[in-house]
Amino acid sequence: MSPRGRGPVAVGDALREMIRRLGLSKPMAEYDVLTSWDECVGEQVAKVCKPERIVNGVLFVHVSTAPWRAELALRRRDIINKINTRAGTAVVRDIQFR
């Protein structure tokens, strides 16, 4: 039964509500971006770069070579859109390739 006596609540719904109330939604979304990077950018790109952290909506990504850094800079908007679509919210507003 729900805390307010309205009947049963699904465990997933209860967890999402608890996460929201504790203010953990944003950190959890950011963590999901970091752990799902390979899925968002594909295997080939994931082999040459790794996400490091997200600070104020900026995702910092380490890239192994300068040519790949230039290529990824051209794909920046597409990557941001894929990440945010997967997350269901605007977690990343920019990417810095280093």
N, C-alpha and C. Protein backbone atom coordinates (compact mmCIF):
# COMPACT_ATOMS: atom_id res chain seq x y z
N MET A 1 0.84 -1.18 0.00
CA MET A 1 0.00 0.00 0.00
C MET A 1 0.89 1.24 0.00
N SER A 2 0.46 2.26 -0.67
CA SER A 2 1.23 3.49 -0.74
C SER A 2 1.20 4.18 0.63
N PRO A 3 2.17 5.07 0.87
CA PRO A 3 2.22 5.79 2.13
C PRO A 3 0.96 6.61 2.41
N ARG A 4 0.26 6.99 1.36
CA ARG A 4 -0.93 7.82 1.54
C ARG A 4 -2.21 6.98 1.56
N GLY A 5 -2.08 5.66 1.57
CA GLY A 5 -3.22 4.78 1.66
C GLY A 5 -4.04 4.66 0.38
N ARG A 6 -3.41 4.91 -0.78
CA ARG A 6 -4.13 4.85 -2.04
C ARG A 6 -4.04 3.50 -2.73
N GLY A 7 -3.40 2.53 -2.14
CA GLY A 7 -3.26 1.23 -2.77
C GLY A 7 -1.81 0.92 -3.08
N PRO A 8 -1.58 -0.24 -3.68
CA PRO A 8 -0.20 -0.68 -3.97
C PRO A 8 0.50 0.26 -4.95
N VAL A 9 1.80 0.34 -4.79
CA VAL A 9 2.64 1.15 -5.67
C VAL A 9 3.74 0.24 -6.20
N ALA A 10 4.03 0.32 -7.49
CA ALA A 10 5.10 -0.47 -8.09
C ALA A 10 6.44 -0.04 -7.48
N VAL A 11 7.32 -1.01 -7.29
CA VAL A 11 8.63 -0.74 -6.69
C VAL A 11 9.39 0.30 -7.49
N GLY A 12 9.37 0.18 -8.82
CA GLY A 12 10.07 1.15 -9.66
C GLY A 12 9.56 2.55 -9.46
N ASP A 13 8.24 2.69 -9.36
CA ASP A 13 7.65 4.02 -9.14
C ASP A 13 8.04 4.57 -7.78
N ALA A 14 8.05 3.71 -6.77
CA ALA A 14 8.43 4.13 -5.42
C ALA A 14 9.88 4.58 -5.39
N LEU A 15 10.77 3.85 -6.09
CA LEU A 15 12.18 4.23 -6.13
C LEU A 15 12.37 5.55 -6.86
N ARG A 16 11.69 5.73 -8.00
CA ARG A 16 11.81 7.00 -8.72
C ARG A 16 11.36 8.18 -7.86
N GLU A 17 10.28 7.99 -7.12
CA GLU A 17 9.79 9.06 -6.25
C GLU A 17 10.79 9.35 -5.13
N MET A 18 11.36 8.31 -4.54
CA MET A 18 12.35 8.50 -3.48
C MET A 18 13.58 9.23 -4.03
N ILE A 19 14.05 8.85 -5.20
CA ILE A 19 15.21 9.50 -5.83
C ILE A 19 14.90 10.98 -6.07
N ARG A 20 13.70 11.27 -6.56
CA ARG A 20 13.30 12.65 -6.81
C ARG A 20 13.28 13.45 -5.51
N ARG A 21 12.66 12.88 -4.48
CA ARG A 21 12.56 13.59 -3.19
C ARG A 21 13.91 13.84 -2.55
N LEU A 22 14.87 12.93 -2.76
CA LEU A 22 16.20 13.08 -2.19
C LEU A 22 17.10 13.99 -3.03
N GLY A 23 16.59 14.46 -4.16
CA GLY A 23 17.37 15.34 -5.02
C GLY A 23 18.47 14.62 -5.78
N LEU A 24 18.27 13.34 -6.06
CA LEU A 24 19.30 12.55 -6.72
C LEU A 24 19.04 12.33 -8.21
N SER A 25 17.99 12.92 -8.73
CA SER A 25 17.65 12.70 -10.14
C SER A 25 18.76 13.15 -11.07
N LYS A 26 19.29 14.35 -10.86
CA LYS A 26 20.33 14.88 -11.74
C LYS A 26 21.62 14.06 -11.64
N PRO A 27 22.14 13.79 -10.44
CA PRO A 27 23.35 12.97 -10.37
C PRO A 27 23.17 11.58 -10.98
N MET A 28 22.00 11.00 -10.82
CA MET A 28 21.76 9.67 -11.39
C MET A 28 21.70 9.75 -12.91
N ALA A 29 21.11 10.80 -13.46
CA ALA A 29 21.06 10.98 -14.91
C ALA A 29 22.47 11.18 -15.46
N GLU A 30 23.29 11.95 -14.75
CA GLU A 30 24.68 12.17 -15.18
C GLU A 30 25.47 10.87 -15.15
N TYR A 31 25.28 10.09 -14.10
CA TYR A 31 25.95 8.80 -14.00
C TYR A 31 25.54 7.89 -15.15
N ASP A 32 24.26 7.91 -15.48
CA ASP A 32 23.76 7.09 -16.59
C ASP A 32 24.41 7.50 -17.91
N VAL A 33 24.63 8.79 -18.11
CA VAL A 33 25.30 9.25 -19.33
C VAL A 33 26.71 8.67 -19.40
N LEU A 34 27.44 8.73 -18.31
CA LEU A 34 28.81 8.22 -18.29
C LEU A 34 28.86 6.70 -18.53
N THR A 35 27.93 5.98 -17.96
CA THR A 35 27.96 4.52 -18.09
C THR A 35 27.35 4.02 -19.39
N SER A 36 26.60 4.85 -20.10
CA SER A 36 25.99 4.42 -21.35
C SER A 36 26.67 5.07 -22.57
N TRP A 37 27.82 5.67 -22.36
CA TRP A 37 28.55 6.35 -23.42
C TRP A 37 28.73 5.48 -24.66
N ASP A 38 29.23 4.25 -24.48
CA ASP A 38 29.48 3.35 -25.61
C ASP A 38 28.22 3.13 -26.43
N GLU A 39 27.12 2.99 -25.76
CA GLU A 39 25.82 2.77 -26.40
C GLU A 39 25.40 4.00 -27.21
N CYS A 40 25.68 5.18 -26.71
CA CYS A 40 25.27 6.42 -27.37
C CYS A 40 26.12 6.75 -28.59
N VAL A 41 27.42 6.50 -28.51
CA VAL A 41 28.31 6.91 -29.60
C VAL A 41 28.72 5.78 -30.53
N GLY A 42 28.49 4.54 -30.12
CA GLY A 42 28.87 3.41 -30.96
C GLY A 42 30.24 2.87 -30.61
N GLU A 43 30.46 1.64 -31.01
CA GLU A 43 31.68 0.91 -30.65
C GLU A 43 32.95 1.56 -31.19
N GLN A 44 32.93 1.98 -32.45
CA GLN A 44 34.13 2.57 -33.06
C GLN A 44 34.57 3.83 -32.33
N VAL A 45 33.64 4.73 -32.07
CA VAL A 45 33.98 5.98 -31.37
C VAL A 45 34.39 5.69 -29.93
N ALA A 46 33.70 4.77 -29.29
CA ALA A 46 34.00 4.44 -27.89
C ALA A 46 35.42 3.91 -27.71
N LYS A 47 35.97 3.33 -28.76
CA LYS A 47 37.35 2.80 -28.68
C LYS A 47 38.39 3.90 -28.57
N VAL A 48 38.05 5.11 -29.05
CA VAL A 48 39.05 6.18 -29.08
C VAL A 48 38.78 7.30 -28.08
N CYS A 49 37.69 7.21 -27.33
CA CYS A 49 37.42 8.26 -26.35
C CYS A 49 36.62 7.73 -25.17
N LYS A 50 36.81 8.37 -24.04
CA LYS A 50 36.11 7.98 -22.80
C LYS A 50 35.60 9.23 -22.09
N PRO A 51 34.35 9.17 -21.63
CA PRO A 51 33.83 10.31 -20.87
C PRO A 51 34.49 10.35 -19.49
N GLU A 52 34.77 11.55 -19.01
CA GLU A 52 35.44 11.69 -17.71
C GLU A 52 34.48 12.16 -16.61
N ARG A 53 33.73 13.24 -16.91
CA ARG A 53 32.84 13.80 -15.88
C ARG A 53 31.89 14.79 -16.55
N ILE A 54 30.87 15.16 -15.78
CA ILE A 54 29.94 16.20 -16.23
C ILE A 54 29.93 17.28 -15.16
N VAL A 55 30.18 18.52 -15.58
CA VAL A 55 30.18 19.66 -14.67
C VAL A 55 29.28 20.74 -15.25
N ASN A 56 28.23 21.09 -14.53
CA ASN A 56 27.29 22.13 -14.97
C ASN A 56 26.79 21.89 -16.40
N GLY A 57 26.47 20.66 -16.73
CA GLY A 57 25.94 20.33 -18.04
C GLY A 57 26.96 20.16 -19.14
N VAL A 58 28.24 20.30 -18.80
CA VAL A 58 29.31 20.12 -19.79
C VAL A 58 29.96 18.76 -19.56
N LEU A 59 29.94 17.94 -20.60
CA LEU A 59 30.54 16.61 -20.56
C LEU A 59 31.98 16.73 -21.05
N PHE A 60 32.91 16.28 -20.23
CA PHE A 60 34.33 16.29 -20.60
C PHE A 60 34.71 14.90 -21.06
N VAL A 61 35.28 14.83 -22.28
CA VAL A 61 35.61 13.55 -22.89
C VAL A 61 37.07 13.54 -23.30
N HIS A 62 37.80 12.51 -22.85
CA HIS A 62 39.20 12.33 -23.26
C HIS A 62 39.21 11.61 -24.60
N VAL A 63 39.91 12.19 -25.59
CA VAL A 63 40.01 11.60 -26.93
C VAL A 63 41.47 11.29 -27.19
N SER A 64 41.74 10.08 -27.74
CA SER A 64 43.12 9.60 -27.87
C SER A 64 43.94 10.30 -28.95
N THR A 65 43.29 10.83 -30.00
CA THR A 65 44.07 11.46 -31.07
C THR A 65 43.41 12.77 -31.52
N ALA A 66 44.24 13.65 -32.08
CA ALA A 66 43.75 14.94 -32.57
C ALA A 66 42.78 14.78 -33.74
N PRO A 67 43.03 13.89 -34.70
CA PRO A 67 42.05 13.74 -35.79
C PRO A 67 40.66 13.31 -35.27
N TRP A 68 40.64 12.41 -34.31
CA TRP A 68 39.35 12.00 -33.74
C TRP A 68 38.71 13.16 -32.97
N ARG A 69 39.53 13.95 -32.30
CA ARG A 69 39.00 15.10 -31.56
C ARG A 69 38.30 16.05 -32.54
N ALA A 70 38.91 16.28 -33.70
CA ALA A 70 38.32 17.16 -34.71
C ALA A 70 37.02 16.55 -35.26
N GLU A 71 37.03 15.26 -35.54
CA GLU A 71 35.84 14.57 -36.05
C GLU A 71 34.69 14.65 -35.05
N LEU A 72 34.99 14.39 -33.79
CA LEU A 72 33.95 14.42 -32.76
C LEU A 72 33.41 15.83 -32.53
N ALA A 73 34.27 16.82 -32.68
CA ALA A 73 33.81 18.21 -32.54
C ALA A 73 32.75 18.51 -33.61
N LEU A 74 32.91 17.95 -34.80
CA LEU A 74 31.93 18.14 -35.87
C LEU A 74 30.63 17.40 -35.57
N ARG A 75 30.70 16.33 -34.80
CA ARG A 75 29.52 15.53 -34.46
C ARG A 75 28.90 15.93 -33.11
N ARG A 76 29.43 16.96 -32.49
CA ARG A 76 29.03 17.36 -31.13
C ARG A 76 27.51 17.43 -30.94
N ARG A 77 26.82 18.17 -31.79
CA ARG A 77 25.36 18.36 -31.65
C ARG A 77 24.63 17.03 -31.74
N ASP A 78 25.03 16.18 -32.67
CA ASP A 78 24.38 14.88 -32.84
C ASP A 78 24.58 14.01 -31.59
N ILE A 79 25.78 14.03 -31.05
CA ILE A 79 26.07 13.23 -29.84
C ILE A 79 25.26 13.75 -28.66
N ILE A 80 25.20 15.06 -28.50
CA ILE A 80 24.42 15.65 -27.40
C ILE A 80 22.95 15.25 -27.53
N ASN A 81 22.43 15.31 -28.74
CA ASN A 81 21.03 14.93 -28.96
C ASN A 81 20.78 13.47 -28.61
N LYS A 82 21.69 12.58 -29.02
CA LYS A 82 21.54 11.16 -28.71
C LYS A 82 21.57 10.92 -27.20
N ILE A 83 22.51 11.58 -26.51
CA ILE A 83 22.64 11.42 -25.06
C ILE A 83 21.37 11.88 -24.36
N ASN A 84 20.91 13.08 -24.70
CA ASN A 84 19.74 13.64 -24.03
C ASN A 84 18.45 12.89 -24.37
N THR A 85 18.35 12.39 -25.59
CA THR A 85 17.19 11.59 -25.97
C THR A 85 17.16 10.31 -25.14
N ARG A 86 18.31 9.66 -25.02
CA ARG A 86 18.38 8.42 -24.22
C ARG A 86 18.06 8.70 -22.76
N ALA A 87 18.55 9.83 -22.24
CA ALA A 87 18.34 10.18 -20.84
C ALA A 87 16.90 10.63 -20.58
N GLY A 88 16.23 11.11 -21.61
CA GLY A 88 14.87 11.60 -21.44
C GLY A 88 14.80 13.00 -20.86
N THR A 89 15.95 13.64 -20.75
CA THR A 89 16.03 15.00 -20.23
C THR A 89 17.34 15.63 -20.72
N ALA A 90 17.43 16.95 -20.64
CA ALA A 90 18.64 17.66 -21.10
C ALA A 90 19.73 17.59 -20.03
N VAL A 91 20.46 16.49 -20.01
CA VAL A 91 21.54 16.30 -19.04
C VAL A 91 22.80 17.02 -19.51
N VAL A 92 23.08 16.95 -20.81
CA VAL A 92 24.30 17.52 -21.38
C VAL A 92 23.92 18.68 -22.29
N ARG A 93 24.55 19.84 -22.07
CA ARG A 93 24.29 20.98 -22.94
C ARG A 93 25.47 21.27 -23.87
N ASP A 94 26.67 20.74 -23.51
CA ASP A 94 27.86 20.91 -24.33
C ASP A 94 28.83 19.77 -24.04
N ILE A 95 29.76 19.55 -24.97
CA ILE A 95 30.81 18.54 -24.78
C ILE A 95 32.15 19.19 -25.06
N GLN A 96 33.10 18.97 -24.18
CA GLN A 96 34.47 19.42 -24.38
C GLN A 96 35.33 18.18 -24.67
N PHE A 97 35.87 18.11 -25.89
CA PHE A 97 36.74 17.00 -26.23
C PHE A 97 38.17 17.41 -25.95
N ARG A 98 38.86 16.59 -25.18
CA ARG A 98 40.24 16.91 -24.78
C ARG A 98 41.20 15.87 -25.26
